[in-house]
Amino acid sequence: MPLHYVVITRIDDTPDSDLGHYLANVGASMTPYGGRLLAFGTPQRLEGDTKITKTAILEFPSDESARNWYESAVYQNLAAWRIATIGGPVDFNLVSGVPA
């Protein structure tokens, strides 16, 4: 069964220091759902012109576990805080991995 990934992209200029509460707590919010952070940072553009300022890639054991994490009260509280701090939502995309 392939793993599932949540890819988050931002196009804002909010410093990571302003997102300390979110960044300090989002990892623990994923643990009950088997999620883990694989990558986080400013992407190095190879093609295209979208002004993405940060990208995060999260791994989950299933589509259901990723959705349950995202819809959980704990994460939704963090998301509301993040949206208020940044001033708007970010892009969240769920993609399936390929079998090894």
PDB file of N, CA and C in Angstrom:
ATOM      1  N   MET A   1       0.853  -1.177   0.000  1.00  0.00           N
ATOM      2  CA  MET A   1       0.000   0.000   0.000  1.00  0.00           C
ATOM      3  C   MET A   1       0.898   1.240   0.000  1.00  0.00           C
ATOM      4  N   PRO A   2       0.676   2.164  -0.925  1.00  0.00           N
ATOM      5  CA  PRO A   2       1.533   3.357  -0.985  1.00  0.00           C
ATOM      6  C   PRO A   2       1.253   4.321   0.161  1.00  0.00           C
ATOM      7  N   LEU A   3       2.278   5.053   0.510  1.00  0.00           N
ATOM      8  CA  LEU A   3       2.119   6.109   1.499  1.00  0.00           C
ATOM      9  C   LEU A   3       1.405   7.283   0.858  1.00  0.00           C
ATOM     10  N   HIS A   4       0.955   8.207   1.682  1.00  0.00           N
ATOM     11  CA  HIS A   4       0.264   9.392   1.200  1.00  0.00           C
ATOM     12  C   HIS A   4       0.993  10.616   1.731  1.00  0.00           C
ATOM     13  N   TYR A   5       0.982  11.654   0.950  1.00  0.00           N
ATOM     14  CA  TYR A   5       1.732  12.842   1.294  1.00  0.00           C
ATOM     15  C   TYR A   5       0.840  14.074   1.243  1.00  0.00           C
ATOM     16  N   VAL A   6       1.039  14.943   2.195  1.00  0.00           N
ATOM     17  CA  VAL A   6       0.407  16.249   2.177  1.00  0.00           C
ATOM     18  C   VAL A   6       1.496  17.232   1.782  1.00  0.00           C
ATOM     19  N   VAL A   7       1.258  17.969   0.720  1.00  0.00           N
ATOM     20  CA  VAL A   7       2.208  18.975   0.256  1.00  0.00           C
ATOM     21  C   VAL A   7       1.588  20.334   0.530  1.00  0.00           C
ATOM     22  N   ILE A   8       2.287  21.139   1.301  1.00  0.00           N
ATOM     23  CA  ILE A   8       1.808  22.457   1.696  1.00  0.00           C
ATOM     24  C   ILE A   8       2.707  23.492   1.048  1.00  0.00           C
ATOM     25  N   THR A   9       2.116  24.461   0.386  1.00  0.00           N
ATOM     26  CA  THR A   9       2.905  25.540  -0.189  1.00  0.00           C
ATOM     27  C   THR A   9       2.353  26.875   0.276  1.00  0.00           C
ATOM     28  N   ARG A  10       3.264  27.808   0.488  1.00  0.00           N
ATOM     29  CA  ARG A  10       2.913  29.163   0.923  1.00  0.00           C
ATOM     30  C   ARG A  10       3.429  30.157  -0.106  1.00  0.00           C
ATOM     31  N   ILE A  11       2.732  31.261  -0.202  1.00  0.00           N
ATOM     32  CA  ILE A  11       3.199  32.333  -1.085  1.00  0.00           C
ATOM     33  C   ILE A  11       3.244  33.667  -0.342  1.00  0.00           C
ATOM     34  N   ASP A  12       3.304  33.620   0.987  1.00  0.00           N
ATOM     35  CA  ASP A  12       3.325  34.837   1.798  1.00  0.00           C
ATOM     36  C   ASP A  12       4.759  35.151   2.213  1.00  0.00           C
ATOM     37  N   ASP A  13       4.950  36.278   2.848  1.00  0.00           N
ATOM     38  CA  ASP A  13       6.290  36.651   3.308  1.00  0.00           C
ATOM     39  C   ASP A  13       6.390  36.701   4.832  1.00  0.00           C
ATOM     40  N   THR A  14       5.541  35.947   5.506  1.00  0.00           N
ATOM     41  CA  THR A  14       5.573  35.883   6.965  1.00  0.00           C
ATOM     42  C   THR A  14       6.844  35.171   7.423  1.00  0.00           C
ATOM     43  N   PRO A  15       7.645  35.805   8.286  1.00  0.00           N
ATOM     44  CA  PRO A  15       8.853  35.134   8.784  1.00  0.00           C
ATOM     45  C   PRO A  15       8.492  33.908   9.631  1.00  0.00           C
ATOM     46  N   ASP A  16       9.317  32.874   9.551  1.00  0.00           N
ATOM     47  CA  ASP A  16       9.084  31.685  10.366  1.00  0.00           C
ATOM     48  C   ASP A  16       9.016  32.035  11.849  1.00  0.00           C
ATOM     49  N   SER A  17       9.758  33.051  12.285  1.00  0.00           N
ATOM     50  CA  SER A  17       9.739  33.436  13.699  1.00  0.00           C
ATOM     51  C   SER A  17       8.343  33.861  14.145  1.00  0.00           C
ATOM     52  N   ASP A  18       7.540  34.408  13.242  1.00  0.00           N
ATOM     53  CA  ASP A  18       6.163  34.792  13.574  1.00  0.00           C
ATOM     54  C   ASP A  18       5.234  33.583  13.665  1.00  0.00           C
ATOM     55  N   LEU A  19       5.675  32.457  13.126  1.00  0.00           N
ATOM     56  CA  LEU A  19       4.866  31.236  13.125  1.00  0.00           C
ATOM     57  C   LEU A  19       5.342  30.231  14.172  1.00  0.00           C
ATOM     58  N   GLY A  20       6.083  30.721  15.166  1.00  0.00           N
ATOM     59  CA  GLY A  20       6.673  29.836  16.174  1.00  0.00           C
ATOM     60  C   GLY A  20       5.689  28.907  16.837  1.00  0.00           C
ATOM     61  N   HIS A  21       4.517  29.416  17.230  1.00  0.00           N
ATOM     62  CA  HIS A  21       3.507  28.580  17.893  1.00  0.00           C
ATOM     63  C   HIS A  21       3.079  27.428  16.983  1.00  0.00           C
ATOM     64  N   TYR A  22       2.805  27.739  15.735  1.00  0.00           N
ATOM     65  CA  TYR A  22       2.377  26.714  14.779  1.00  0.00           C
ATOM     66  C   TYR A  22       3.488  25.701  14.544  1.00  0.00           C
ATOM     67  N   LEU A  23       4.681  26.185  14.225  1.00  0.00           N
ATOM     68  CA  LEU A  23       5.793  25.294  13.908  1.00  0.00           C
ATOM     69  C   LEU A  23       6.193  24.429  15.092  1.00  0.00           C
ATOM     70  N   ALA A  24       6.048  24.950  16.314  1.00  0.00           N
ATOM     71  CA  ALA A  24       6.412  24.190  17.511  1.00  0.00           C
ATOM     72  C   ALA A  24       5.404  23.090  17.836  1.00  0.00           C
ATOM     73  N   ASN A  25       4.177  23.193  17.336  1.00  0.00           N
ATOM     74  CA  ASN A  25       3.124  22.261  17.723  1.00  0.00           C
ATOM     75  C   ASN A  25       2.594  21.364  16.612  1.00  0.00           C
ATOM     76  N   VAL A  26       2.857  21.699  15.364  1.00  0.00           N
ATOM     77  CA  VAL A  26       2.272  20.928  14.267  1.00  0.00           C
ATOM     78  C   VAL A  26       2.806  19.493  14.237  1.00  0.00           C
ATOM     79  N   GLY A  27       4.064  19.292  14.555  1.00  0.00           N
ATOM     80  CA  GLY A  27       4.624  17.937  14.548  1.00  0.00           C
ATOM     81  C   GLY A  27       3.911  17.014  15.517  1.00  0.00           C
ATOM     82  N   ALA A  28       3.684  17.481  16.730  1.00  0.00           N
ATOM     83  CA  ALA A  28       2.988  16.670  17.736  1.00  0.00           C
ATOM     84  C   ALA A  28       1.548  16.392  17.319  1.00  0.00           C
ATOM     85  N   SER A  29       0.946  17.306  16.562  1.00  0.00           N
ATOM     86  CA  SER A  29      -0.438  17.082  16.124  1.00  0.00           C
ATOM     87  C   SER A  29      -0.539  15.926  15.121  1.00  0.00           C
ATOM     88  N   MET A  30       0.552  15.616  14.423  1.00  0.00           N
ATOM     89  CA  MET A  30       0.548  14.541  13.428  1.00  0.00           C
ATOM     90  C   MET A  30       0.811  13.168  14.034  1.00  0.00           C
ATOM     91  N   THR A  31       1.485  13.119  15.175  1.00  0.00           N
ATOM     92  CA  THR A  31       1.926  11.855  15.765  1.00  0.00           C
ATOM     93  C   THR A  31       0.798  10.832  15.937  1.00  0.00           C
ATOM     94  N   PRO A  32      -0.372  11.209  16.477  1.00  0.00           N
ATOM     95  CA  PRO A  32      -1.428  10.204  16.639  1.00  0.00           C
ATOM     96  C   PRO A  32      -1.940   9.618  15.318  1.00  0.00           C
ATOM     97  N   TYR A  33      -1.635  10.260  14.224  1.00  0.00           N
ATOM     98  CA  TYR A  33      -2.115   9.822  12.910  1.00  0.00           C
ATOM     99  C   TYR A  33      -1.002   9.179  12.077  1.00  0.00           C
ATOM    100  N   GLY A  34       0.142   8.954  12.688  1.00  0.00           N
ATOM    101  CA  GLY A  34       1.265   8.326  11.993  1.00  0.00           C
ATOM    102  C   GLY A  34       1.965   9.240  11.011  1.00  0.00           C
ATOM    103  N   GLY A  35       1.754  10.551  11.152  1.00  0.00           N
ATOM    104  CA  GLY A  35       2.355  11.501  10.231  1.00  0.00           C
ATOM    105  C   GLY A  35       3.731  11.946  10.664  1.00  0.00           C
ATOM    106  N   ARG A  36       4.508  12.378   9.694  1.00  0.00           N
ATOM    107  CA  ARG A  36       5.828  12.927  10.007  1.00  0.00           C
ATOM    108  C   ARG A  36       6.236  13.926   8.929  1.00  0.00           C
ATOM    109  N   LEU A  37       7.049  14.866   9.333  1.00  0.00           N
ATOM    110  CA  LEU A  37       7.553  15.895   8.427  1.00  0.00           C
ATOM    111  C   LEU A  37       8.745  15.339   7.657  1.00  0.00           C
ATOM    112  N   LEU A  38       8.681  15.409   6.327  1.00  0.00           N
ATOM    113  CA  LEU A  38       9.790  14.960   5.492  1.00  0.00           C
ATOM    114  C   LEU A  38      10.661  16.108   5.019  1.00  0.00           C
ATOM    115  N   ALA A  39      10.046  17.260   4.738  1.00  0.00           N
ATOM    116  CA  ALA A  39      10.808  18.395   4.217  1.00  0.00           C
ATOM    117  C   ALA A  39      10.095  19.690   4.569  1.00  0.00           C
ATOM    118  N   PHE A  40      10.899  20.746   4.804  1.00  0.00           N
ATOM    119  CA  PHE A  40      10.355  22.075   5.057  1.00  0.00           C
ATOM    120  C   PHE A  40      11.413  23.094   4.680  1.00  0.00           C
ATOM    121  N   GLY A  41      11.047  24.055   3.883  1.00  0.00           N
ATOM    122  CA  GLY A  41      11.989  25.108   3.556  1.00  0.00           C
ATOM    123  C   GLY A  41      11.572  25.898   2.336  1.00  0.00           C
ATOM    124  N   THR A  42      12.446  26.791   1.936  1.00  0.00           N
ATOM    125  CA  THR A  42      12.230  27.596   0.742  1.00  0.00           C
ATOM    126  C   THR A  42      12.665  26.775  -0.464  1.00  0.00           C
ATOM    127  N   PRO A  43      11.760  26.549  -1.412  1.00  0.00           N
ATOM    128  CA  PRO A  43      12.134  25.712  -2.560  1.00  0.00           C
ATOM    129  C   PRO A  43      13.100  26.426  -3.498  1.00  0.00           C
ATOM    130  N   GLN A  44      13.933  25.655  -4.137  1.00  0.00           N
ATOM    131  CA  GLN A  44      14.805  26.182  -5.190  1.00  0.00           C
ATOM    132  C   GLN A  44      14.099  25.928  -6.516  1.00  0.00           C
ATOM    133  N   ARG A  45      13.706  26.984  -7.174  1.00  0.00           N
ATOM    134  CA  ARG A  45      12.918  26.875  -8.405  1.00  0.00           C
ATOM    135  C   ARG A  45      13.755  26.262  -9.529  1.00  0.00           C
ATOM    136  N   LEU A  46      13.190  25.237 -10.148  1.00  0.00           N
ATOM    137  CA  LEU A  46      13.795  24.628 -11.329  1.00  0.00           C
ATOM    138  C   LEU A  46      13.019  24.983 -12.592  1.00  0.00           C
ATOM    139  N   GLU A  47      11.717  25.253 -12.421  1.00  0.00           N
ATOM    140  CA  GLU A  47      10.867  25.584 -13.564  1.00  0.00           C
ATOM    141  C   GLU A  47       9.629  26.289 -13.042  1.00  0.00           C
ATOM    142  N   GLY A  48       9.040  27.131 -13.863  1.00  0.00           N
ATOM    143  CA  GLY A  48       7.805  27.815 -13.503  1.00  0.00           C
ATOM    144  C   GLY A  48       8.074  29.163 -12.859  1.00  0.00           C
ATOM    145  N   ASP A  49       6.976  29.873 -12.558  1.00  0.00           N
ATOM    146  CA  ASP A  49       7.142  31.209 -12.003  1.00  0.00           C
ATOM    147  C   ASP A  49       6.237  31.501 -10.809  1.00  0.00           C
ATOM    148  N   THR A  50       5.666  30.477 -10.185  1.00  0.00           N
ATOM    149  CA  THR A  50       4.862  30.676  -8.990  1.00  0.00           C
ATOM    150  C   THR A  50       5.768  31.163  -7.870  1.00  0.00           C
ATOM    151  N   LYS A  51       5.310  32.139  -7.142  1.00  0.00           N
ATOM    152  CA  LYS A  51       6.110  32.768  -6.090  1.00  0.00           C
ATOM    153  C   LYS A  51       5.985  32.019  -4.751  1.00  0.00           C
ATOM    154  N   ILE A  52       6.299  30.735  -4.733  1.00  0.00           N
ATOM    155  CA  ILE A  52       6.209  29.932  -3.510  1.00  0.00           C
ATOM    156  C   ILE A  52       7.354  30.330  -2.584  1.00  0.00           C
ATOM    157  N   THR A  53       6.998  30.646  -1.337  1.00  0.00           N
ATOM    158  CA  THR A  53       8.010  31.061  -0.375  1.00  0.00           C
ATOM    159  C   THR A  53       8.421  29.945   0.575  1.00  0.00           C
ATOM    160  N   LYS A  54       7.533  28.993   0.826  1.00  0.00           N
ATOM    161  CA  LYS A  54       7.851  27.847   1.693  1.00  0.00           C
ATOM    162  C   LYS A  54       7.085  26.635   1.205  1.00  0.00           C
ATOM    163  N   THR A  55       7.683  25.475   1.389  1.00  0.00           N
ATOM    164  CA  THR A  55       7.038  24.209   1.069  1.00  0.00           C
ATOM    165  C   THR A  55       7.288  23.243   2.216  1.00  0.00           C
ATOM    166  N   ALA A  56       6.267  22.475   2.562  1.00  0.00           N
ATOM    167  CA  ALA A  56       6.408  21.396   3.544  1.00  0.00           C
ATOM    168  C   ALA A  56       5.839  20.134   2.925  1.00  0.00           C
ATOM    169  N   ILE A  57       6.482  19.013   3.193  1.00  0.00           N
ATOM    170  CA  ILE A  57       5.989  17.718   2.737  1.00  0.00           C
ATOM    171  C   ILE A  57       5.838  16.839   3.965  1.00  0.00           C
ATOM    172  N   LEU A  58       4.607  16.365   4.174  1.00  0.00           N
ATOM    173  CA  LEU A  58       4.274  15.516   5.313  1.00  0.00           C
ATOM    174  C   LEU A  58       3.923  14.132   4.789  1.00  0.00           C
ATOM    175  N   GLU A  59       4.294  13.105   5.533  1.00  0.00           N
ATOM    176  CA  GLU A  59       4.010  11.730   5.118  1.00  0.00           C
ATOM    177  C   GLU A  59       3.023  11.108   6.089  1.00  0.00           C
ATOM    178  N   PHE A  60       2.041  10.379   5.559  1.00  0.00           N
ATOM    179  CA  PHE A  60       1.052   9.662   6.364  1.00  0.00           C
ATOM    180  C   PHE A  60       0.906   8.252   5.818  1.00  0.00           C
ATOM    181  N   PRO A  61       0.526   7.303   6.664  1.00  0.00           N
ATOM    182  CA  PRO A  61       0.407   5.927   6.202  1.00  0.00           C
ATOM    183  C   PRO A  61      -0.795   5.674   5.290  1.00  0.00           C
ATOM    184  N   SER A  62      -1.781   6.570   5.297  1.00  0.00           N
ATOM    185  CA  SER A  62      -2.958   6.383   4.449  1.00  0.00           C
ATOM    186  C   SER A  62      -3.629   7.719   4.178  1.00  0.00           C
ATOM    187  N   ASP A  63      -4.477   7.707   3.166  1.00  0.00           N
ATOM    188  CA  ASP A  63      -5.300   8.866   2.853  1.00  0.00           C
ATOM    189  C   ASP A  63      -6.172   9.208   4.064  1.00  0.00           C
ATOM    190  N   GLU A  64      -6.751   8.176   4.666  1.00  0.00           N
ATOM    191  CA  GLU A  64      -7.638   8.376   5.813  1.00  0.00           C
ATOM    192  C   GLU A  64      -6.907   9.022   6.993  1.00  0.00           C
ATOM    193  N   SER A  65      -5.694   8.564   7.286  1.00  0.00           N
ATOM    194  CA  SER A  65      -4.956   9.141   8.417  1.00  0.00           C
ATOM    195  C   SER A  65      -4.604  10.606   8.148  1.00  0.00           C
ATOM    196  N   ALA A  66      -4.253  10.942   6.900  1.00  0.00           N
ATOM    197  CA  ALA A  66      -3.951  12.333   6.557  1.00  0.00           C
ATOM    198  C   ALA A  66      -5.192  13.209   6.722  1.00  0.00           C
ATOM    199  N   ARG A  67      -6.319  12.723   6.233  1.00  0.00           N
ATOM    200  CA  ARG A  67      -7.562  13.490   6.352  1.00  0.00           C
ATOM    201  C   ARG A  67      -8.003  13.622   7.806  1.00  0.00           C
ATOM    202  N   ASN A  68      -7.863  12.547   8.574  1.00  0.00           N
ATOM    203  CA  ASN A  68      -8.236  12.606   9.992  1.00  0.00           C
ATOM    204  C   ASN A  68      -7.380  13.605  10.753  1.00  0.00           C
ATOM    205  N   TRP A  69      -6.070  13.645  10.438  1.00  0.00           N
ATOM    206  CA  TRP A  69      -5.202  14.652  11.065  1.00  0.00           C
ATOM    207  C   TRP A  69      -5.663  16.051  10.694  1.00  0.00           C
ATOM    208  N   TYR A  70      -5.846  16.292   9.395  1.00  0.00           N
ATOM    209  CA  TYR A  70      -6.218  17.624   8.930  1.00  0.00           C
ATOM    210  C   TYR A  70      -7.538  18.088   9.547  1.00  0.00           C
ATOM    211  N   GLU A  71      -8.482  17.191   9.693  1.00  0.00           N
ATOM    212  CA  GLU A  71      -9.804  17.526  10.226  1.00  0.00           C
ATOM    213  C   GLU A  71      -9.875  17.499  11.749  1.00  0.00           C
ATOM    214  N   SER A  72      -8.806  17.067  12.417  1.00  0.00           N
ATOM    215  CA  SER A  72      -8.823  16.967  13.880  1.00  0.00           C
ATOM    216  C   SER A  72      -8.958  18.346  14.518  1.00  0.00           C
ATOM    217  N   ALA A  73      -9.567  18.359  15.702  1.00  0.00           N
ATOM    218  CA  ALA A  73      -9.733  19.624  16.439  1.00  0.00           C
ATOM    219  C   ALA A  73      -8.378  20.241  16.758  1.00  0.00           C
ATOM    220  N   VAL A  74      -7.408  19.413  17.115  1.00  0.00           N
ATOM    221  CA  VAL A  74      -6.079  19.933  17.455  1.00  0.00           C
ATOM    222  C   VAL A  74      -5.475  20.660  16.256  1.00  0.00           C
ATOM    223  N   TYR A  75      -5.504  20.008  15.077  1.00  0.00           N
ATOM    224  CA  TYR A  75      -4.911  20.678  13.922  1.00  0.00           C
ATOM    225  C   TYR A  75      -5.744  21.873  13.475  1.00  0.00           C
ATOM    226  N   GLN A  76      -7.042  21.767  13.493  1.00  0.00           N
ATOM    227  CA  GLN A  76      -7.868  22.894  13.048  1.00  0.00           C
ATOM    228  C   GLN A  76      -7.650  24.130  13.921  1.00  0.00           C
ATOM    229  N   ASN A  77      -7.380  23.934  15.219  1.00  0.00           N
ATOM    230  CA  ASN A  77      -7.027  25.077  16.078  1.00  0.00           C
ATOM    231  C   ASN A  77      -5.706  25.695  15.642  1.00  0.00           C
ATOM    232  N   LEU A  78      -4.725  24.848  15.328  1.00  0.00           N
ATOM    233  CA  LEU A  78      -3.444  25.353  14.831  1.00  0.00           C
ATOM    234  C   LEU A  78      -3.626  26.052  13.486  1.00  0.00           C
ATOM    235  N   ALA A  79      -4.435  25.475  12.617  1.00  0.00           N
ATOM    236  CA  ALA A  79      -4.660  26.061  11.295  1.00  0.00           C
ATOM    237  C   ALA A  79      -5.316  27.434  11.422  1.00  0.00           C
ATOM    238  N   ALA A  80      -6.285  27.563  12.325  1.00  0.00           N
ATOM    239  CA  ALA A  80      -6.940  28.861  12.521  1.00  0.00           C
ATOM    240  C   ALA A  80      -5.929  29.894  12.993  1.00  0.00           C
ATOM    241  N   TRP A  81      -5.035  29.491  13.883  1.00  0.00           N
ATOM    242  CA  TRP A  81      -3.992  30.405  14.368  1.00  0.00           C
ATOM    243  C   TRP A  81      -3.063  30.797  13.219  1.00  0.00           C
ATOM    244  N   ARG A  82      -2.653  29.804  12.404  1.00  0.00           N
ATOM    245  CA  ARG A  82      -1.768  30.067  11.265  1.00  0.00           C
ATOM    246  C   ARG A  82      -2.424  31.022  10.272  1.00  0.00           C
ATOM    247  N   ILE A  83      -3.672  30.774   9.940  1.00  0.00           N
ATOM    248  CA  ILE A  83      -4.375  31.618   8.976  1.00  0.00           C
ATOM    249  C   ILE A  83      -4.472  33.049   9.494  1.00  0.00           C
ATOM    250  N   ALA A  84      -4.765  33.207  10.778  1.00  0.00           N
ATOM    251  CA  ALA A  84      -4.845  34.550  11.359  1.00  0.00           C
ATOM    252  C   ALA A  84      -3.491  35.240  11.327  1.00  0.00           C
ATOM    253  N   THR A  85      -2.422  34.499  11.564  1.00  0.00           N
ATOM    254  CA  THR A  85      -1.083  35.073  11.594  1.00  0.00           C
ATOM    255  C   THR A  85      -0.607  35.455  10.191  1.00  0.00           C
ATOM    256  N   ILE A  86      -0.831  34.576   9.228  1.00  0.00           N
ATOM    257  CA  ILE A  86      -0.390  34.829   7.858  1.00  0.00           C
ATOM    258  C   ILE A  86      -1.320  35.816   7.154  1.00  0.00           C
ATOM    259  N   GLY A  87      -2.576  35.778   7.517  1.00  0.00           N
ATOM    260  CA  GLY A  87      -3.548  36.651   6.879  1.00  0.00           C
ATOM    261  C   GLY A  87      -4.346  35.971   5.785  1.00  0.00           C
ATOM    262  N   GLY A  88      -4.213  34.654   5.681  1.00  0.00           N
ATOM    263  CA  GLY A  88      -4.957  33.895   4.684  1.00  0.00           C
ATOM    264  C   GLY A  88      -4.516  32.447   4.686  1.00  0.00           C
ATOM    265  N   PRO A  89      -5.224  31.592   3.956  1.00  0.00           N
ATOM    266  CA  PRO A  89      -4.866  30.177   3.918  1.00  0.00           C
ATOM    267  C   PRO A  89      -3.644  29.905   3.047  1.00  0.00           C
ATOM    268  N   VAL A  90      -3.123  28.714   3.179  1.00  0.00           N
ATOM    269  CA  VAL A  90      -2.045  28.220   2.324  1.00  0.00           C
ATOM    270  C   VAL A  90      -2.636  27.121   1.441  1.00  0.00           C
ATOM    271  N   ASP A  91      -1.873  26.595   0.505  1.00  0.00           N
ATOM    272  CA  ASP A  91      -2.346  25.490  -0.330  1.00  0.00           C
ATOM    273  C   ASP A  91      -1.992  24.164   0.331  1.00  0.00           C
ATOM    274  N   PHE A  92      -2.991  23.317   0.540  1.00  0.00           N
ATOM    275  CA  PHE A  92      -2.812  21.964   1.042  1.00  0.00           C
ATOM    276  C   PHE A  92      -3.219  21.011  -0.056  1.00  0.00           C
ATOM    277  N   ASN A  93      -2.383  20.042  -0.396  1.00  0.00           N
ATOM    278  CA  ASN A  93      -2.709  19.048  -1.418  1.00  0.00           C
ATOM    279  C   ASN A  93      -2.333  17.679  -0.896  1.00  0.00           C
ATOM    280  N   LEU A  94      -3.227  16.718  -1.079  1.00  0.00           N
ATOM    281  CA  LEU A  94      -2.982  15.340  -0.680  1.00  0.00           C
ATOM    282  C   LEU A  94      -2.675  14.542  -1.940  1.00  0.00           C
ATOM    283  N   VAL A  95      -1.531  13.868  -1.938  1.00  0.00           N
ATOM    284  CA  VAL A  95      -1.132  13.050  -3.085  1.00  0.00           C
ATOM    285  C   VAL A  95      -0.740  11.666  -2.610  1.00  0.00           C
ATOM    286  N   SER A  96      -1.023  10.676  -3.458  1.00  0.00           N
ATOM    287  CA  SER A  96      -0.650   9.295  -3.144  1.00  0.00           C
ATOM    288  C   SER A  96       0.752   9.016  -3.625  1.00  0.00           C
ATOM    289  N   GLY A  97       1.488   8.267  -2.822  1.00  0.00           N
ATOM    290  CA  GLY A  97       2.810   7.823  -3.241  1.00  0.00           C
ATOM    291  C   GLY A  97       2.675   6.645  -4.187  1.00  0.00           C
ATOM    292  N   VAL A  98       3.769   6.201  -4.708  1.00  0.00           N
ATOM    293  CA  VAL A  98       3.771   5.040  -5.596  1.00  0.00           C
ATOM    294  C   VAL A  98       4.336   3.847  -4.824  1.00  0.00           C
ATOM    295  N   PRO A  99       3.829   2.653  -5.070  1.00  0.00           N
ATOM    296  CA  PRO A  99       4.340   1.474  -4.374  1.00  0.00           C
ATOM    297  C   PRO A  99       5.840   1.308  -4.648  1.00  0.00           C
ATOM    298  N   ALA A 100       6.563   0.919  -3.618  1.00  0.00           N
ATOM    299  CA  ALA A 100       8.008   0.712  -3.759  1.00  0.00           C
ATOM    300  C   ALA A 100       8.302  -0.547  -4.530  1.00  0.00           C
TER     301      ALA A 100
END
